Every structure is written in C-alpha cells, then in structure tokens.
Amino acid sequence: MKLPPLLEPIFQQWRIKQIWPDLPKGGVLVDLGCDEPPELINRAEKRFDQIIGIDTAVKPYQKGKVTVKQQILGHKINLPAQTADVVTMLAVLEHLTYPKTIIQEIFRILKPGGKVLITVPSRYNRPLLTLLAGLGLVRPEMIKQHQHYFTPIRLKQMLIQAGFKQIEVKYFEWGLNIKVKAIREADERS
C-alpha cells in the first residue's frame, strides 16, 4: 500500500475536525468525494444509521450500513431526492467543473431540515498548495485538478441560488480554507 504524501492525512484530519461538531447522530450521511480509504466514513460509521460515499476513484462496496459508489460528480448525483440528512464534501468542490450544479444537486438530495458541510481551499491557499505539491508534501495531481478557488461571497451566492436559507461561511486554518454549513429548510419544494 502506497503511503500518502506527508501532509495529506494531517490536512484531512483538520477538515474532519472542522465539521465533526456539526454532524448529528442518526440519519443518513452522504459523503461526496469520500476518497479511498474513506476516512470520514470510517470515523462516522457508528454515528449514523446509513452512510453513502460517492467518489470517482473508489471500488464500489456494501458493508453493513455503509455503501460506497463510484460516480463522476458532473451534473447529477445518482441518488433519489430527499435521501440525506447530511451531505459532506471535504476538499472536493474545487475539483468540479460544475460546482453550482452540484450544489443544486445537494439541495435536491437533502431532506428538509438537512444540512450540507463543505470545506474548500480559499484563494489565499493557491500559492501554498502549489509549493507543497512541488515539494511532494501533498499530491501534485490533486492540486493540478483544482479548477476553482472560492471566496466566501461566491460560495454563499451559489448556496442561496440553490435554495439554502441558513448559511454560515467562515475561514479556518489562518484563512487558507473555508468551511460552509447550510440548512435546507422545509419549503414549498419539499
């Protein structure tokens, strides 16, 4: 088994630590871009009734209450409407060609009252990530795949346009990353 670059597991744990207090107990968790091994899923398995992980680079499997599916996150998330109580997407949105479309899809698959938790690198992080990739401390191929570096304003606009109401967007890790928490309220579309 090939070990990840030195800083990858540390950064992954920092992202999980940011969203962990916002994860409820029970219900259905959908982790978009779950990676392999699916660290958040493994850690949260006892916390939820059902967990679905989706990523382009995973082997699909079903084990107990965990289902991992292989899918490209393009225009559609292959899940029924109102499936999830929580959707997580940690360091994934910046890789997607159509981030606005995926935010709309997240709204669609969330149950009323459900929440989405997202982390992304901020625009201030680009030079540092490029340096770390050059040093081999993070996966260079992943940094090269970044199509977007978001601002809090842009993230909030996409969430509002998708239908989210209660939205919190804040920097963490000295402004290098952004955390988003948004709730899908019950409305006429639910």
N, C-alpha and C. Protein backbone atom coordinates (compact mmCIF):
# COMPACT_ATOMS: atom_id res chain seq x y z
N MET A 1 0.85 -1.19 0.00
CA MET A 1 0.00 0.00 0.00
C MET A 1 0.89 1.24 0.00
N LYS A 2 0.65 2.12 -0.96
CA LYS A 2 1.42 3.34 -1.09
C LYS A 2 0.95 4.36 -0.04
N LEU A 3 1.89 4.94 0.68
CA LEU A 3 1.56 5.94 1.68
C LEU A 3 1.28 7.28 1.02
N PRO A 4 0.33 8.06 1.56
CA PRO A 4 0.07 9.38 1.00
C PRO A 4 1.21 10.33 1.35
N PRO A 5 1.35 11.43 0.60
CA PRO A 5 2.35 12.42 0.98
C PRO A 5 2.16 12.86 2.43
N LEU A 6 3.23 13.28 3.04
CA LEU A 6 3.30 13.57 4.47
C LEU A 6 2.13 14.38 5.03
N LEU A 7 1.74 15.45 4.36
CA LEU A 7 0.73 16.35 4.92
C LEU A 7 -0.71 15.96 4.61
N GLU A 8 -0.93 15.08 3.65
CA GLU A 8 -2.31 14.70 3.28
C GLU A 8 -3.15 14.24 4.46
N PRO A 9 -2.69 13.25 5.24
CA PRO A 9 -3.53 12.79 6.36
C PRO A 9 -3.75 13.87 7.42
N ILE A 10 -2.78 14.73 7.61
CA ILE A 10 -2.92 15.81 8.59
C ILE A 10 -4.00 16.78 8.14
N PHE A 11 -3.93 17.21 6.89
CA PHE A 11 -4.94 18.13 6.36
C PHE A 11 -6.33 17.50 6.38
N GLN A 12 -6.40 16.21 6.05
CA GLN A 12 -7.68 15.50 6.07
C GLN A 12 -8.28 15.51 7.48
N GLN A 13 -7.46 15.25 8.48
CA GLN A 13 -7.94 15.26 9.87
C GLN A 13 -8.38 16.66 10.29
N TRP A 14 -7.69 17.70 9.85
CA TRP A 14 -8.09 19.07 10.17
C TRP A 14 -9.47 19.38 9.58
N ARG A 15 -9.70 18.92 8.35
CA ARG A 15 -11.02 19.17 7.73
C ARG A 15 -12.12 18.43 8.48
N ILE A 16 -11.86 17.17 8.83
CA ILE A 16 -12.86 16.40 9.58
C ILE A 16 -13.12 17.06 10.93
N LYS A 17 -12.08 17.53 11.58
CA LYS A 17 -12.24 18.20 12.88
C LYS A 17 -13.12 19.45 12.76
N GLN A 18 -13.03 20.15 11.64
CA GLN A 18 -13.85 21.35 11.43
C GLN A 18 -15.33 21.03 11.36
N ILE A 19 -15.69 19.92 10.72
CA ILE A 19 -17.11 19.64 10.51
C ILE A 19 -17.69 18.70 11.56
N TRP A 20 -16.84 17.99 12.30
CA TRP A 20 -17.31 16.97 13.24
C TRP A 20 -18.37 17.48 14.23
N PRO A 21 -18.19 18.65 14.84
CA PRO A 21 -19.21 19.12 15.80
C PRO A 21 -20.58 19.37 15.16
N ASP A 22 -20.62 19.53 13.84
CA ASP A 22 -21.89 19.80 13.15
C ASP A 22 -22.58 18.54 12.64
N LEU A 23 -21.96 17.38 12.84
CA LEU A 23 -22.58 16.13 12.41
C LEU A 23 -23.56 15.65 13.47
N PRO A 24 -24.83 15.45 13.09
CA PRO A 24 -25.80 14.92 14.05
C PRO A 24 -25.58 13.43 14.27
N LYS A 25 -26.32 12.88 15.19
CA LYS A 25 -26.31 11.43 15.39
C LYS A 25 -27.57 10.86 14.77
N GLY A 26 -27.42 9.76 14.05
CA GLY A 26 -28.55 9.14 13.39
C GLY A 26 -28.77 9.71 12.00
N GLY A 27 -29.66 9.08 11.27
CA GLY A 27 -29.98 9.55 9.93
C GLY A 27 -29.02 9.03 8.88
N VAL A 28 -29.08 9.67 7.71
CA VAL A 28 -28.31 9.25 6.54
C VAL A 28 -27.26 10.31 6.20
N LEU A 29 -26.00 9.87 6.14
CA LEU A 29 -24.89 10.72 5.72
C LEU A 29 -24.51 10.36 4.30
N VAL A 30 -24.37 11.36 3.44
CA VAL A 30 -23.81 11.18 2.10
C VAL A 30 -22.52 11.97 2.06
N ASP A 31 -21.40 11.27 1.82
CA ASP A 31 -20.09 11.91 1.74
C ASP A 31 -19.65 11.92 0.28
N LEU A 32 -19.67 13.11 -0.32
CA LEU A 32 -19.28 13.26 -1.72
C LEU A 32 -17.78 13.47 -1.82
N GLY A 33 -17.13 12.64 -2.63
CA GLY A 33 -15.68 12.69 -2.72
C GLY A 33 -15.03 12.02 -1.54
N CYS A 34 -15.56 10.86 -1.18
CA CYS A 34 -15.18 10.17 0.06
C CYS A 34 -13.75 9.68 0.09
N ASP A 35 -13.12 9.52 -1.08
CA ASP A 35 -11.72 9.09 -1.18
C ASP A 35 -11.58 7.63 -0.75
N GLU A 36 -10.37 7.11 -0.92
CA GLU A 36 -10.10 5.74 -0.51
C GLU A 36 -8.73 5.70 0.15
N PRO A 37 -8.65 5.34 1.41
CA PRO A 37 -9.76 4.86 2.25
C PRO A 37 -10.67 6.01 2.65
N PRO A 38 -11.95 5.72 2.85
CA PRO A 38 -12.92 6.77 3.19
C PRO A 38 -12.83 7.15 4.68
N GLU A 39 -11.92 8.03 5.00
CA GLU A 39 -11.59 8.36 6.39
C GLU A 39 -12.80 8.87 7.18
N LEU A 40 -13.55 9.83 6.62
CA LEU A 40 -14.72 10.35 7.33
C LEU A 40 -15.75 9.25 7.55
N ILE A 41 -16.00 8.45 6.54
CA ILE A 41 -16.97 7.35 6.66
C ILE A 41 -16.55 6.38 7.74
N ASN A 42 -15.29 5.99 7.73
CA ASN A 42 -14.80 5.05 8.76
C ASN A 42 -14.97 5.63 10.15
N ARG A 43 -14.71 6.90 10.29
CA ARG A 43 -14.81 7.54 11.60
C ARG A 43 -16.26 7.74 12.04
N ALA A 44 -17.15 8.00 11.08
CA ALA A 44 -18.55 8.33 11.41
C ALA A 44 -19.49 7.14 11.39
N GLU A 45 -18.98 5.96 11.10
CA GLU A 45 -19.84 4.79 10.89
C GLU A 45 -20.77 4.52 12.06
N LYS A 46 -20.30 4.66 13.28
CA LYS A 46 -21.15 4.39 14.45
C LYS A 46 -22.13 5.51 14.73
N ARG A 47 -21.93 6.65 14.12
CA ARG A 47 -22.74 7.83 14.40
C ARG A 47 -24.04 7.87 13.58
N PHE A 48 -24.06 7.21 12.42
CA PHE A 48 -25.20 7.31 11.51
C PHE A 48 -25.90 5.97 11.31
N ASP A 49 -27.17 6.04 10.89
CA ASP A 49 -27.95 4.83 10.60
C ASP A 49 -27.56 4.25 9.24
N GLN A 50 -27.20 5.13 8.31
CA GLN A 50 -26.79 4.72 6.97
C GLN A 50 -25.79 5.74 6.45
N ILE A 51 -24.77 5.24 5.72
CA ILE A 51 -23.77 6.13 5.12
C ILE A 51 -23.58 5.73 3.67
N ILE A 52 -23.58 6.75 2.80
CA ILE A 52 -23.32 6.55 1.38
C ILE A 52 -22.12 7.41 1.00
N GLY A 53 -21.11 6.79 0.45
CA GLY A 53 -19.94 7.51 -0.05
C GLY A 53 -19.92 7.47 -1.56
N ILE A 54 -19.58 8.59 -2.17
CA ILE A 54 -19.51 8.66 -3.63
C ILE A 54 -18.18 9.31 -4.02
N ASP A 55 -17.47 8.67 -4.95
CA ASP A 55 -16.20 9.20 -5.43
C ASP A 55 -15.91 8.59 -6.80
N THR A 56 -15.10 9.28 -7.57
CA THR A 56 -14.72 8.75 -8.89
C THR A 56 -13.68 7.65 -8.79
N ALA A 57 -12.86 7.68 -7.75
CA ALA A 57 -11.70 6.78 -7.68
C ALA A 57 -11.80 5.77 -6.55
N VAL A 58 -12.97 5.14 -6.41
CA VAL A 58 -13.14 4.13 -5.36
C VAL A 58 -13.65 2.84 -5.98
N LYS A 59 -13.41 1.75 -5.28
CA LYS A 59 -14.03 0.48 -5.64
C LYS A 59 -15.37 0.43 -4.92
N PRO A 60 -16.47 0.24 -5.65
CA PRO A 60 -17.78 0.18 -5.01
C PRO A 60 -17.85 -1.01 -4.04
N TYR A 61 -18.53 -0.79 -2.93
CA TYR A 61 -18.76 -1.89 -1.99
C TYR A 61 -19.94 -1.56 -1.08
N GLN A 62 -20.46 -2.61 -0.47
CA GLN A 62 -21.54 -2.51 0.52
C GLN A 62 -21.09 -3.33 1.71
N LYS A 63 -21.04 -2.70 2.88
CA LYS A 63 -20.66 -3.42 4.09
C LYS A 63 -21.47 -2.85 5.25
N GLY A 64 -22.39 -3.67 5.75
CA GLY A 64 -23.24 -3.21 6.84
C GLY A 64 -24.07 -2.02 6.40
N LYS A 65 -23.97 -0.94 7.13
CA LYS A 65 -24.77 0.24 6.81
C LYS A 65 -24.03 1.23 5.91
N VAL A 66 -22.87 0.82 5.40
CA VAL A 66 -22.06 1.68 4.52
C VAL A 66 -22.13 1.18 3.08
N THR A 67 -22.44 2.10 2.17
CA THR A 67 -22.41 1.83 0.73
C THR A 67 -21.48 2.84 0.09
N VAL A 68 -20.51 2.37 -0.67
CA VAL A 68 -19.62 3.27 -1.41
C VAL A 68 -19.86 3.04 -2.89
N LYS A 69 -20.13 4.15 -3.61
CA LYS A 69 -20.45 4.09 -5.04
C LYS A 69 -19.41 4.85 -5.84
N GLN A 70 -19.14 4.35 -7.03
CA GLN A 70 -18.24 5.05 -7.94
C GLN A 70 -19.08 5.89 -8.89
N GLN A 71 -18.81 7.19 -8.92
CA GLN A 71 -19.54 8.09 -9.81
C GLN A 71 -18.73 9.35 -10.03
N ILE A 72 -18.75 9.85 -11.25
CA ILE A 72 -18.17 11.16 -11.53
C ILE A 72 -19.18 12.21 -11.08
N LEU A 73 -18.72 13.18 -10.32
CA LEU A 73 -19.60 14.25 -9.87
C LEU A 73 -19.63 15.33 -10.95
N GLY A 74 -20.53 15.15 -11.91
CA GLY A 74 -20.65 16.09 -13.01
C GLY A 74 -21.88 16.95 -12.85
N HIS A 75 -22.97 16.53 -13.48
CA HIS A 75 -24.22 17.29 -13.44
C HIS A 75 -25.24 16.69 -12.49
N LYS A 76 -25.08 15.45 -12.10
CA LYS A 76 -26.12 14.76 -11.32
C LYS A 76 -25.48 13.88 -10.26
N ILE A 77 -26.13 13.81 -9.12
CA ILE A 77 -25.77 12.86 -8.07
C ILE A 77 -26.80 11.73 -8.16
N ASN A 78 -26.34 10.53 -8.38
CA ASN A 78 -27.24 9.39 -8.61
C ASN A 78 -27.86 8.88 -7.31
N LEU A 79 -28.68 9.72 -6.71
CA LEU A 79 -29.45 9.36 -5.53
C LEU A 79 -30.83 9.98 -5.66
N PRO A 80 -31.84 9.35 -5.07
CA PRO A 80 -33.18 9.93 -5.10
C PRO A 80 -33.25 11.25 -4.33
N ALA A 81 -34.24 12.06 -4.66
CA ALA A 81 -34.48 13.30 -3.94
C ALA A 81 -34.75 13.00 -2.47
N GLN A 82 -34.32 13.90 -1.63
CA GLN A 82 -34.55 13.85 -0.18
C GLN A 82 -34.08 12.53 0.44
N THR A 83 -32.87 12.13 0.10
CA THR A 83 -32.25 10.92 0.64
C THR A 83 -31.49 11.19 1.93
N ALA A 84 -30.79 12.32 1.99
CA ALA A 84 -29.78 12.55 3.03
C ALA A 84 -30.23 13.51 4.12
N ASP A 85 -29.80 13.20 5.34
CA ASP A 85 -29.94 14.15 6.44
C ASP A 85 -28.74 15.10 6.47
N VAL A 86 -27.59 14.60 6.05
CA VAL A 86 -26.36 15.39 5.99
C VAL A 86 -25.59 15.02 4.73
N VAL A 87 -25.07 16.03 4.05
CA VAL A 87 -24.15 15.81 2.93
C VAL A 87 -22.84 16.49 3.29
N THR A 88 -21.74 15.76 3.17
CA THR A 88 -20.42 16.34 3.39
C THR A 88 -19.65 16.32 2.08
N MET A 89 -18.82 17.34 1.90
CA MET A 89 -17.95 17.43 0.73
C MET A 89 -16.70 18.17 1.18
N LEU A 90 -15.67 17.41 1.54
CA LEU A 90 -14.45 17.98 2.11
C LEU A 90 -13.35 18.03 1.06
N ALA A 91 -12.96 19.25 0.70
CA ALA A 91 -11.90 19.48 -0.29
C ALA A 91 -12.21 18.79 -1.61
N VAL A 92 -13.43 18.98 -2.11
CA VAL A 92 -13.86 18.35 -3.36
C VAL A 92 -14.41 19.38 -4.35
N LEU A 93 -15.19 20.33 -3.88
CA LEU A 93 -15.89 21.27 -4.77
C LEU A 93 -14.93 21.99 -5.72
N GLU A 94 -13.72 22.27 -5.26
CA GLU A 94 -12.75 22.99 -6.09
C GLU A 94 -12.28 22.17 -7.29
N HIS A 95 -12.51 20.87 -7.27
CA HIS A 95 -12.12 19.98 -8.37
C HIS A 95 -13.19 19.87 -9.45
N LEU A 96 -14.39 20.32 -9.17
CA LEU A 96 -15.53 20.04 -10.04
C LEU A 96 -15.70 21.09 -11.13
N THR A 97 -16.04 20.63 -12.32
CA THR A 97 -16.26 21.52 -13.45
C THR A 97 -17.52 22.36 -13.24
N TYR A 98 -18.53 21.76 -12.63
CA TYR A 98 -19.82 22.44 -12.46
C TYR A 98 -20.20 22.53 -10.98
N PRO A 99 -19.50 23.33 -10.20
CA PRO A 99 -19.78 23.37 -8.76
C PRO A 99 -21.20 23.87 -8.43
N LYS A 100 -21.69 24.82 -9.21
CA LYS A 100 -23.04 25.35 -8.96
C LYS A 100 -24.09 24.25 -9.15
N THR A 101 -23.92 23.43 -10.17
CA THR A 101 -24.85 22.33 -10.44
C THR A 101 -24.82 21.31 -9.31
N ILE A 102 -23.64 21.00 -8.81
CA ILE A 102 -23.54 20.03 -7.71
C ILE A 102 -24.17 20.58 -6.43
N ILE A 103 -24.02 21.88 -6.18
CA ILE A 103 -24.68 22.49 -5.02
C ILE A 103 -26.20 22.34 -5.16
N GLN A 104 -26.73 22.55 -6.36
CA GLN A 104 -28.17 22.36 -6.60
C GLN A 104 -28.58 20.90 -6.38
N GLU A 105 -27.72 19.98 -6.81
CA GLU A 105 -27.99 18.56 -6.61
C GLU A 105 -27.95 18.20 -5.12
N ILE A 106 -27.05 18.80 -4.38
CA ILE A 106 -27.00 18.56 -2.94
C ILE A 106 -28.31 19.00 -2.31
N PHE A 107 -28.81 20.17 -2.71
CA PHE A 107 -30.10 20.64 -2.20
C PHE A 107 -31.18 19.62 -2.50
N ARG A 108 -31.17 19.09 -3.71
CA ARG A 108 -32.20 18.12 -4.13
C ARG A 108 -32.16 16.85 -3.29
N ILE A 109 -30.96 16.33 -2.99
CA ILE A 109 -30.89 15.05 -2.26
C ILE A 109 -31.03 15.21 -0.75
N LEU A 110 -30.96 16.46 -0.25
CA LEU A 110 -31.14 16.67 1.19
C LEU A 110 -32.61 16.63 1.56
N LYS A 111 -32.90 16.03 2.70
CA LYS A 111 -34.24 16.09 3.27
C LYS A 111 -34.46 17.50 3.82
N PRO A 112 -35.72 17.95 3.89
CA PRO A 112 -35.98 19.22 4.56
C PRO A 112 -35.42 19.18 5.99
N GLY A 113 -34.72 20.23 6.37
CA GLY A 113 -34.05 20.27 7.66
C GLY A 113 -32.65 19.70 7.61
N GLY A 114 -32.27 19.11 6.47
CA GLY A 114 -30.94 18.53 6.32
C GLY A 114 -29.89 19.60 6.13
N LYS A 115 -28.63 19.22 6.35
CA LYS A 115 -27.55 20.20 6.22
C LYS A 115 -26.44 19.69 5.33
N VAL A 116 -25.74 20.65 4.74
CA VAL A 116 -24.55 20.36 3.96
C VAL A 116 -23.36 20.99 4.67
N LEU A 117 -22.25 20.25 4.69
CA LEU A 117 -21.00 20.72 5.28
C LEU A 117 -19.92 20.59 4.21
N ILE A 118 -19.31 21.71 3.87
CA ILE A 118 -18.33 21.75 2.78
C ILE A 118 -17.06 22.42 3.29
N THR A 119 -15.91 21.91 2.85
CA THR A 119 -14.66 22.65 3.02
C THR A 119 -14.01 22.79 1.65
N VAL A 120 -13.39 23.95 1.44
CA VAL A 120 -12.65 24.22 0.20
C VAL A 120 -11.43 25.06 0.55
N PRO A 121 -10.38 24.97 -0.27
CA PRO A 121 -9.26 25.89 -0.07
C PRO A 121 -9.68 27.29 -0.52
N SER A 122 -9.24 28.30 0.20
CA SER A 122 -9.52 29.67 -0.22
C SER A 122 -8.53 30.09 -1.30
N ARG A 123 -8.79 31.21 -1.92
CA ARG A 123 -7.89 31.70 -2.96
C ARG A 123 -6.51 32.00 -2.40
N TYR A 124 -6.43 32.29 -1.09
CA TYR A 124 -5.14 32.57 -0.46
C TYR A 124 -4.26 31.32 -0.36
N ASN A 125 -4.85 30.17 -0.51
CA ASN A 125 -4.15 28.90 -0.34
C ASN A 125 -3.43 28.44 -1.61
N ARG A 126 -3.79 29.01 -2.74
CA ARG A 126 -3.24 28.54 -4.02
C ARG A 126 -1.70 28.52 -4.05
N PRO A 127 -1.01 29.61 -3.70
CA PRO A 127 0.46 29.57 -3.76
C PRO A 127 1.06 28.54 -2.80
N LEU A 128 0.48 28.41 -1.62
CA LEU A 128 1.00 27.44 -0.65
C LEU A 128 0.80 26.01 -1.14
N LEU A 129 -0.38 25.71 -1.65
CA LEU A 129 -0.64 24.36 -2.16
C LEU A 129 0.27 24.02 -3.34
N THR A 130 0.52 25.00 -4.19
CA THR A 130 1.43 24.78 -5.32
C THR A 130 2.84 24.46 -4.81
N LEU A 131 3.29 25.19 -3.80
CA LEU A 131 4.60 24.94 -3.20
C LEU A 131 4.66 23.55 -2.56
N LEU A 132 3.64 23.22 -1.76
CA LEU A 132 3.61 21.91 -1.09
C LEU A 132 3.57 20.76 -2.09
N ALA A 133 2.85 20.96 -3.19
CA ALA A 133 2.81 19.93 -4.24
C ALA A 133 4.18 19.77 -4.88
N GLY A 134 4.85 20.88 -5.12
CA GLY A 134 6.19 20.84 -5.70
C GLY A 134 7.20 20.13 -4.81
N LEU A 135 6.99 20.23 -3.50
CA LEU A 135 7.86 19.56 -2.54
C LEU A 135 7.45 18.11 -2.29
N GLY A 136 6.31 17.69 -2.86
CA GLY A 136 5.84 16.32 -2.68
C GLY A 136 5.16 16.09 -1.34
N LEU A 137 4.76 17.17 -0.66
CA LEU A 137 4.12 17.03 0.65
C LEU A 137 2.61 16.84 0.56
N VAL A 138 2.04 17.20 -0.59
CA VAL A 138 0.64 16.89 -0.92
C VAL A 138 0.66 16.31 -2.34
N ARG A 139 -0.42 15.66 -2.74
CA ARG A 139 -0.47 15.02 -4.05
C ARG A 139 -0.52 16.07 -5.18
N PRO A 140 0.55 16.18 -5.96
CA PRO A 140 0.57 17.18 -7.03
C PRO A 140 -0.58 17.03 -8.02
N GLU A 141 -0.96 15.79 -8.32
CA GLU A 141 -2.04 15.59 -9.29
C GLU A 141 -3.36 16.15 -8.78
N MET A 142 -3.56 16.13 -7.47
CA MET A 142 -4.80 16.67 -6.91
C MET A 142 -4.81 18.20 -6.99
N ILE A 143 -3.68 18.82 -6.72
CA ILE A 143 -3.60 20.28 -6.77
C ILE A 143 -3.77 20.76 -8.21
N LYS A 144 -3.20 20.05 -9.16
CA LYS A 144 -3.35 20.41 -10.58
C LYS A 144 -4.80 20.31 -11.04
N GLN A 145 -5.59 19.49 -10.37
CA GLN A 145 -7.01 19.33 -10.73
C GLN A 145 -7.89 20.46 -10.21
N HIS A 146 -7.36 21.33 -9.35
CA HIS A 146 -8.18 22.42 -8.82
C HIS A 146 -8.62 23.34 -9.96
N GLN A 147 -9.92 23.45 -10.13
CA GLN A 147 -10.49 24.31 -11.16
C GLN A 147 -10.97 25.64 -10.59
N HIS A 148 -11.15 25.69 -9.27
CA HIS A 148 -11.71 26.88 -8.63
C HIS A 148 -11.02 27.12 -7.29
N TYR A 149 -10.86 28.38 -6.96
CA TYR A 149 -10.51 28.79 -5.60
C TYR A 149 -11.60 29.78 -5.22
N PHE A 150 -12.39 29.43 -4.22
CA PHE A 150 -13.60 30.17 -3.91
C PHE A 150 -13.37 31.28 -2.90
N THR A 151 -14.29 32.23 -2.92
CA THR A 151 -14.39 33.23 -1.87
C THR A 151 -15.66 32.92 -1.08
N PRO A 152 -15.74 33.38 0.17
CA PRO A 152 -16.98 33.18 0.92
C PRO A 152 -18.21 33.75 0.21
N ILE A 153 -18.05 34.89 -0.44
CA ILE A 153 -19.18 35.51 -1.13
C ILE A 153 -19.68 34.62 -2.26
N ARG A 154 -18.77 34.09 -3.06
CA ARG A 154 -19.18 33.22 -4.18
C ARG A 154 -19.86 31.95 -3.68
N LEU A 155 -19.32 31.36 -2.63
CA LEU A 155 -19.94 30.16 -2.07
C LEU A 155 -21.35 30.46 -1.58
N LYS A 156 -21.50 31.57 -0.86
CA LYS A 156 -22.81 31.92 -0.32
C LYS A 156 -23.81 32.17 -1.46
N GLN A 157 -23.37 32.83 -2.53
CA GLN A 157 -24.27 33.08 -3.67
C GLN A 157 -24.76 31.77 -4.29
N MET A 158 -23.85 30.81 -4.46
CA MET A 158 -24.26 29.51 -5.04
C MET A 158 -25.27 28.81 -4.14
N LEU A 159 -25.06 28.87 -2.83
CA LEU A 159 -25.97 28.22 -1.89
C LEU A 159 -27.35 28.88 -1.89
N ILE A 160 -27.37 30.20 -1.92
CA ILE A 160 -28.65 30.94 -1.96
C ILE A 160 -29.40 30.59 -3.25
N GLN A 161 -28.69 30.60 -4.38
CA GLN A 161 -29.33 30.28 -5.66
C GLN A 161 -29.89 28.86 -5.69
N ALA A 162 -29.26 27.96 -4.95
CA ALA A 162 -29.75 26.57 -4.90
C ALA A 162 -30.97 26.42 -3.99
N GLY A 163 -31.21 27.39 -3.11
CA GLY A 163 -32.38 27.33 -2.23
C GLY A 163 -32.07 27.24 -0.75
N PHE A 164 -30.80 27.21 -0.38
CA PHE A 164 -30.44 27.13 1.04
C PHE A 164 -30.76 28.46 1.73
N LYS A 165 -31.15 28.38 3.00
CA LYS A 165 -31.53 29.58 3.76
C LYS A 165 -30.52 29.90 4.86
N GLN A 166 -30.36 28.99 5.80
CA GLN A 166 -29.44 29.23 6.91
C GLN A 166 -28.03 28.87 6.44
N ILE A 167 -27.22 29.89 6.22
CA ILE A 167 -25.90 29.67 5.63
C ILE A 167 -24.83 30.31 6.50
N GLU A 168 -23.84 29.52 6.86
CA GLU A 168 -22.66 30.03 7.58
C GLU A 168 -21.43 29.72 6.74
N VAL A 169 -20.64 30.73 6.47
CA VAL A 169 -19.40 30.56 5.71
C VAL A 169 -18.30 31.23 6.51
N LYS A 170 -17.22 30.48 6.81
CA LYS A 170 -16.14 31.08 7.59
C LYS A 170 -14.79 30.50 7.18
N TYR A 171 -13.77 31.32 7.35
CA TYR A 171 -12.40 30.86 7.12
C TYR A 171 -11.94 30.03 8.30
N PHE A 172 -11.03 29.08 8.04
CA PHE A 172 -10.32 28.38 9.10
C PHE A 172 -8.90 28.13 8.62
N GLU A 173 -8.05 27.63 9.49
CA GLU A 173 -6.63 27.43 9.18
C GLU A 173 -6.01 28.72 8.64
N TRP A 174 -6.13 29.78 9.41
CA TRP A 174 -5.48 31.06 9.12
C TRP A 174 -5.92 31.66 7.79
N GLY A 175 -7.16 31.43 7.39
CA GLY A 175 -7.70 31.98 6.16
C GLY A 175 -7.37 31.18 4.91
N LEU A 176 -6.71 30.04 5.09
CA LEU A 176 -6.31 29.24 3.93
C LEU A 176 -7.43 28.34 3.42
N ASN A 177 -8.42 28.08 4.26
CA ASN A 177 -9.53 27.21 3.89
C ASN A 177 -10.84 27.84 4.33
N ILE A 178 -11.92 27.37 3.74
CA ILE A 178 -13.25 27.89 4.04
C ILE A 178 -14.15 26.72 4.41
N LYS A 179 -14.95 26.94 5.46
CA LYS A 179 -15.96 25.95 5.87
C LYS A 179 -17.33 26.54 5.60
N VAL A 180 -18.21 25.70 5.06
CA VAL A 180 -19.59 26.08 4.78
C VAL A 180 -20.51 25.15 5.53
N LYS A 181 -21.52 25.73 6.18
CA LYS A 181 -22.61 24.95 6.76
C LYS A 181 -23.90 25.62 6.30
N ALA A 182 -24.79 24.84 5.69
CA ALA A 182 -26.06 25.39 5.21
C ALA A 182 -27.16 24.37 5.45
N ILE A 183 -28.36 24.89 5.70
CA ILE A 183 -29.52 24.06 6.02
C ILE A 183 -30.54 24.17 4.89
N ARG A 184 -31.10 23.04 4.51
CA ARG A 184 -32.24 23.05 3.61
C ARG A 184 -33.49 23.12 4.48
N GLU A 185 -34.13 24.26 4.48
CA GLU A 185 -35.35 24.41 5.27
C GLU A 185 -36.52 23.79 4.52
N ALA A 186 -37.56 23.44 5.27
CA ALA A 186 -38.78 22.94 4.65
C ALA A 186 -39.44 24.10 3.91
N ASP A 187 -39.82 23.88 2.66
CA ASP A 187 -40.49 24.91 1.88
C ASP A 187 -41.43 24.26 0.89
N GLU A 188 -41.96 25.06 -0.01
CA GLU A 188 -42.93 24.52 -0.96
C GLU A 188 -42.33 23.49 -1.91
N ARG A 189 -40.99 23.46 -2.05
CA ARG A 189 -40.36 22.48 -2.94
C ARG A 189 -40.19 21.13 -2.26
N SER A 190 -40.39 21.06 -0.93
CA SER A 190 -40.13 19.78 -0.23
C SER A 190 -41.34 18.89 -0.22
